[in-house]
Protein backbone atom coordinates (compact mmCIF):
# COMPACT_ATOMS: atom_id res chain seq x y z
CA MET A 1 -54.13 -4.15 -56.30
CA LEU A 2 -55.78 -3.68 -59.69
CA ARG A 3 -58.96 -1.60 -60.02
CA VAL A 4 -61.15 -2.25 -63.07
CA ALA A 5 -64.27 -0.22 -63.86
CA SER A 6 -66.98 -0.51 -66.50
CA TRP A 7 -69.45 2.19 -67.50
CA ASN A 8 -72.01 2.73 -70.24
CA VAL A 9 -71.57 6.49 -70.56
CA ASN A 10 -74.30 7.03 -73.18
CA SER A 11 -72.09 9.39 -75.25
CA VAL A 12 -68.61 10.05 -73.94
CA ARG A 13 -68.55 13.60 -75.28
CA SER A 14 -71.89 14.48 -73.67
CA ARG A 15 -70.75 13.06 -70.30
CA LEU A 16 -67.13 14.19 -70.46
CA ASP A 17 -67.32 16.44 -67.38
CA SER A 18 -68.85 13.62 -65.36
CA VAL A 19 -66.33 11.10 -66.65
CA ALA A 20 -63.41 13.39 -65.75
CA ARG A 21 -64.88 14.06 -62.30
CA TRP A 22 -65.45 10.36 -61.69
CA LEU A 23 -61.97 9.38 -62.87
CA GLU A 24 -60.45 11.76 -60.32
CA ALA A 25 -62.58 10.29 -57.53
CA ALA A 26 -62.44 6.58 -58.36
CA SER A 27 -58.99 6.37 -60.01
CA PRO A 28 -59.42 3.04 -61.82
CA ASP A 29 -56.40 1.41 -63.40
CA ILE A 30 -58.60 0.29 -66.28
CA LEU A 31 -61.90 1.82 -67.42
CA LEU A 32 -64.07 0.04 -69.95
CA LEU A 33 -66.58 2.29 -71.70
CA GLN A 34 -69.67 1.38 -73.67
CA GLU A 35 -71.97 3.39 -75.94
CA THR A 36 -69.31 6.00 -76.60
CA LYS A 37 -71.22 7.17 -79.70
CA VAL A 38 -68.23 8.74 -81.43
CA GLU A 39 -65.86 7.93 -84.27
CA ASP A 40 -62.32 7.14 -83.14
CA GLY A 41 -60.85 10.31 -84.62
CA LEU A 42 -63.25 12.49 -82.62
CA PHE A 43 -62.89 10.67 -79.29
CA PRO A 44 -61.89 13.18 -76.54
CA ALA A 45 -58.58 11.44 -75.93
CA GLY A 46 -56.89 14.37 -74.20
CA GLU A 47 -59.05 14.12 -71.09
CA PHE A 48 -57.83 10.56 -70.60
CA GLU A 49 -54.24 10.89 -71.75
CA SER A 50 -53.66 13.84 -69.44
CA ARG A 51 -54.52 11.50 -66.56
CA GLY A 52 -52.07 8.84 -67.70
CA TYR A 53 -54.45 6.59 -69.63
CA ARG A 54 -53.66 4.88 -72.90
CA LEU A 55 -56.67 4.34 -75.17
CA GLU A 56 -57.86 1.56 -77.42
CA LEU A 57 -60.98 2.50 -79.37
CA SER A 58 -63.67 0.95 -81.51
CA GLY A 59 -66.25 3.61 -82.27
CA GLN A 60 -68.73 4.82 -84.82
CA LYS A 61 -70.80 7.93 -85.39
CA ALA A 62 -73.75 8.48 -83.01
CA LEU A 63 -74.26 4.82 -82.11
CA ASN A 64 -72.67 1.99 -80.14
CA GLY A 65 -68.91 2.23 -79.55
CA VAL A 66 -66.58 0.73 -76.94
CA ALA A 67 -63.26 1.89 -75.54
CA ILE A 68 -60.56 0.82 -73.08
CA ALA A 69 -58.70 3.46 -71.06
CA SER A 70 -55.79 1.97 -69.14
CA ARG A 71 -52.85 3.03 -67.02
CA VAL A 72 -51.63 -0.57 -67.35
CA PRO A 73 -49.80 -1.72 -70.51
CA LEU A 74 -52.16 -3.33 -73.04
CA TYR A 75 -51.34 -6.26 -75.29
CA ASP A 76 -53.07 -8.30 -78.01
CA VAL A 77 -55.99 -5.92 -78.62
CA ARG A 78 -58.87 -7.50 -80.53
CA ARG A 79 -62.06 -5.97 -81.92
CA GLY A 80 -65.36 -7.68 -82.65
CA LEU A 81 -66.53 -11.24 -82.34
CA ALA A 82 -64.29 -13.94 -83.78
CA SER A 83 -66.94 -14.81 -86.36
CA GLY A 84 -67.35 -11.21 -87.54
CA PHE A 85 -71.04 -11.24 -86.55
CA LEU A 86 -72.46 -7.66 -86.45
CA ASP A 87 -69.02 -6.29 -87.27
CA ASP A 88 -70.59 -3.12 -88.66
CA GLN A 89 -71.75 -2.34 -85.10
CA LYS A 90 -68.82 -1.46 -82.84
CA ARG A 91 -69.74 -3.48 -79.77
CA LEU A 92 -66.73 -5.46 -78.60
CA ILE A 93 -63.09 -4.87 -77.79
CA SER A 94 -60.70 -6.94 -75.68
CA CYS A 95 -57.08 -6.90 -74.61
CA ARG A 96 -54.64 -8.63 -72.32
CA CYS A 97 -53.34 -6.63 -69.40
CA ALA A 98 -52.11 -7.36 -65.89
CA GLY A 99 -51.97 -11.04 -66.85
CA ILE A 100 -55.68 -11.35 -67.66
CA ARG A 101 -57.86 -11.05 -70.76
CA ILE A 102 -60.39 -8.23 -70.33
CA VAL A 103 -63.44 -8.08 -72.59
CA ASP A 104 -65.51 -4.91 -73.01
CA ALA A 105 -68.95 -5.68 -74.45
CA TYR A 106 -71.98 -3.66 -75.45
CA VAL A 107 -74.69 -6.21 -76.19
CA PRO A 108 -77.48 -5.08 -78.56
CA ASN A 109 -80.66 -3.86 -76.92
CA GLY A 110 -82.68 -6.05 -79.25
CA GLY A 111 -85.85 -3.99 -79.29
CA ASP A 112 -89.22 -5.70 -79.10
CA PRO A 113 -88.87 -9.49 -78.64
CA SER A 114 -90.98 -10.01 -81.77
CA LEU A 115 -88.33 -8.37 -83.97
CA ASP A 116 -85.51 -10.07 -85.85
CA ARG A 117 -82.98 -7.89 -84.07
CA PHE A 118 -83.98 -9.53 -80.81
CA LEU A 119 -82.72 -12.79 -82.31
CA HIS A 120 -79.51 -10.97 -83.24
CA LYS A 121 -79.13 -10.02 -79.58
CA LEU A 122 -79.46 -13.63 -78.48
CA GLU A 123 -76.97 -14.73 -81.14
CA PHE A 124 -74.51 -12.04 -80.05
CA MET A 125 -74.72 -13.27 -76.44
CA GLU A 126 -74.13 -16.85 -77.52
CA GLN A 127 -71.12 -15.96 -79.64
CA LEU A 128 -69.74 -13.72 -76.89
CA LEU A 129 -69.80 -16.66 -74.48
CA SER A 130 -68.16 -18.92 -77.06
CA ASP A 131 -65.36 -16.39 -77.61
CA CYS A 132 -64.87 -15.89 -73.86
CA LEU A 133 -64.64 -19.63 -73.25
CA GLU A 134 -62.02 -19.90 -75.98
CA MET A 135 -60.06 -17.04 -74.39
CA ALA A 136 -60.33 -18.76 -71.00
CA ARG A 137 -58.38 -21.71 -72.39
CA SER A 138 -55.31 -19.44 -72.24
CA GLY A 139 -55.82 -17.81 -68.85
CA PRO A 140 -58.13 -15.74 -66.63
CA VAL A 141 -60.90 -13.75 -68.31
CA LEU A 142 -62.97 -10.80 -67.10
CA VAL A 143 -65.93 -9.93 -69.32
CA CYS A 144 -67.59 -6.62 -68.53
CA GLY A 145 -70.12 -4.25 -69.97
CA ASP A 146 -73.72 -3.51 -70.73
CA PHE A 147 -75.45 -6.79 -71.47
CA ASN A 148 -78.86 -5.11 -71.79
CA ALA A 149 -80.25 -7.98 -69.73
CA ALA A 150 -81.01 -8.51 -66.04
CA PRO A 151 -80.40 -12.01 -64.69
CA GLY A 152 -83.03 -12.47 -61.96
CA PRO A 153 -85.89 -11.04 -59.89
CA ASP A 154 -83.57 -9.19 -57.52
CA ASP A 155 -82.10 -7.36 -60.52
CA VAL A 156 -85.31 -5.59 -61.62
CA TYR A 157 -87.73 -3.38 -59.74
CA ASP A 158 -90.85 -5.38 -60.69
CA PRO A 159 -90.07 -8.89 -61.97
CA GLU A 160 -93.69 -9.87 -62.52
CA ALA A 161 -94.59 -6.80 -64.58
CA LEU A 162 -91.33 -6.87 -66.57
CA ASP A 163 -91.18 -10.61 -67.28
CA GLY A 164 -91.04 -11.14 -71.04
CA SER A 165 -90.12 -7.56 -71.84
CA ILE A 166 -86.84 -6.37 -73.28
CA GLY A 167 -84.06 -6.60 -70.72
CA TYR A 168 -85.89 -9.23 -68.69
CA HIS A 169 -86.99 -11.78 -71.24
CA PRO A 170 -86.62 -15.51 -70.37
CA GLU A 171 -84.39 -16.07 -73.42
CA GLU A 172 -82.06 -13.25 -72.35
CA ARG A 173 -81.92 -14.61 -68.81
CA ARG A 174 -81.16 -18.08 -70.12
CA ARG A 175 -78.17 -16.80 -72.07
CA LEU A 176 -76.88 -14.84 -69.10
CA ARG A 177 -77.25 -17.97 -66.99
CA SER A 178 -75.18 -19.88 -69.54
CA PHE A 179 -72.16 -17.74 -68.59
CA LEU A 180 -72.53 -18.80 -64.96
CA ASP A 181 -73.20 -22.42 -65.91
CA SER A 182 -69.96 -22.32 -67.92
CA GLY A 183 -67.92 -21.30 -64.89
CA PHE A 184 -68.04 -17.49 -64.92
CA VAL A 185 -68.80 -15.77 -61.61
CA ASP A 186 -71.11 -12.76 -61.25
CA LEU A 187 -68.91 -10.53 -59.12
CA LEU A 188 -71.74 -8.54 -57.58
CA ARG A 189 -73.50 -11.67 -56.40
CA ARG A 190 -70.23 -13.01 -55.02
CA PHE A 191 -70.36 -10.19 -52.47
CA VAL A 192 -74.12 -9.59 -52.24
CA PRO A 193 -75.85 -12.94 -52.89
CA ARG A 194 -79.36 -11.55 -52.42
CA GLY A 195 -81.15 -8.23 -52.48
CA LYS A 196 -82.15 -5.62 -55.01
CA ALA A 197 -79.31 -4.17 -57.08
CA TYR A 198 -79.58 -1.94 -60.14
CA SER A 199 -77.13 -0.30 -62.55
CA TRP A 200 -79.59 1.40 -64.93
CA TRP A 201 -82.56 3.67 -64.36
CA ASP A 202 -84.79 4.96 -67.15
CA TYR A 203 -84.68 8.69 -67.80
CA ARG A 204 -88.45 8.66 -68.14
CA SER A 205 -90.97 8.86 -65.29
CA GLY A 206 -88.41 9.61 -62.59
CA GLY A 207 -86.84 6.17 -62.73
CA PHE A 208 -83.86 7.04 -60.55
CA ARG A 209 -85.81 9.13 -58.05
CA LYS A 210 -88.30 6.28 -57.63
CA ASP A 211 -85.52 3.66 -57.73
CA ARG A 212 -87.23 1.78 -60.54
CA GLY A 213 -84.09 0.23 -61.97
CA MET A 214 -82.59 -2.84 -63.61
CA ARG A 215 -79.15 -4.44 -63.33
CA LEU A 216 -78.17 -4.51 -67.00
CA ASP A 217 -74.40 -4.06 -66.49
CA HIS A 218 -72.19 -6.93 -65.32
CA MET A 219 -68.69 -8.06 -64.49
CA LEU A 220 -68.23 -11.80 -64.96
CA ALA A 221 -64.94 -13.46 -64.07
CA THR A 222 -63.45 -16.90 -64.44
CA ALA A 223 -63.36 -18.71 -61.10
CA GLY A 224 -59.76 -18.11 -60.08
CA LEU A 225 -59.95 -14.43 -60.98
CA ALA A 226 -63.19 -14.09 -59.03
CA GLU A 227 -61.40 -15.44 -55.96
CA ALA A 228 -58.86 -12.62 -56.33
CA CYS A 229 -61.63 -9.99 -56.31
CA ARG A 230 -61.55 -8.16 -52.97
CA ASP A 231 -64.34 -5.63 -53.50
CA PHE A 232 -67.12 -4.79 -55.92
CA ARG A 233 -69.54 -1.89 -56.05
CA ILE A 234 -72.01 -0.04 -58.24
CA ASP A 235 -71.35 3.72 -57.97
CA ARG A 236 -75.04 4.54 -58.12
CA GLU A 237 -74.63 8.08 -56.76
CA VAL A 238 -73.11 9.05 -60.13
CA ARG A 239 -76.56 8.48 -61.67
CA GLY A 240 -77.78 11.44 -59.60
CA TRP A 241 -75.22 13.92 -60.99
CA ASP A 242 -76.19 16.64 -63.45
CA ARG A 243 -76.86 15.41 -67.00
CA PRO A 244 -76.00 11.81 -66.10
CA SER A 245 -75.77 8.67 -68.13
CA ASP A 246 -78.70 6.39 -67.42
CA HIS A 247 -76.14 3.79 -66.26
CA ALA A 248 -73.89 3.82 -63.19
CA PRO A 249 -70.26 2.66 -63.18
CA LEU A 250 -69.21 -0.76 -61.86
CA VAL A 251 -65.94 -1.01 -59.92
CA ALA A 252 -63.99 -4.13 -58.91
CA ASP A 253 -60.71 -4.40 -57.00
CA PHE A 254 -58.48 -7.43 -57.58
CA ASP A 255 -55.60 -8.61 -55.47
CA ILE A 256 -53.30 -9.05 -58.44
CA PRO A 257 -50.31 -6.99 -59.66
CA ALA A 258 -51.15 -4.14 -61.99
CA GLN A 259 -48.07 -4.72 -64.16
CA GLU A 260 -47.23 -7.46 -66.62
CA THR A 261 -44.05 -8.07 -68.58
CA GLU A 262 -44.69 -9.06 -72.16
């Protein structure tokens, strides 16, 4: 069995105690982190390496940043989109491990839909799908991370009020849908086809206490890999810990061997 987790930690150094506590409890084989907000040389590697994790990093000061922590051997590590789009923003890292290609993505927030950077967000999502489809030509792919977009009305607390706003804009939803139309499977909805599900709650106005959330974080798998997924959950209780990230971890268990011979 292979356990893969994904978590926007909103600063790995600020949440290090929570990350260490959660690693002990959940014990993932592979943890994909987003919004690490730290340069590679300052990443708190010791907390991971002491637990048997090897690290692959792509970080920058104070913003963005992605990382892979794995107890499984990693091969063919790649950073950024194939085109080099937004390469100055450290938002994408991928590797092959356990016989699959795993992609760790932190999609731009985009800001107000009237801004140019919203268009950059849409372009990033389109190029991410293109890259993932190219990777899928060589084998199973699991793309995970913070997409900063919720796919449907069950994934936001008030779909009517939020429609057209950042995170629940029709153009964002259309690009998320394009992953599913291209053959990727939303692992949460494989197990829970309907019903409210959130992975992010705003710090402001008691978002978590009032359960006013959005499902911005996703694990999308190619069809055969999705069939091998035996369990999926959002560890929402972590959002209630002291000084939490505003996101909760995602965890998926796959009925595939954890080891691969290169």
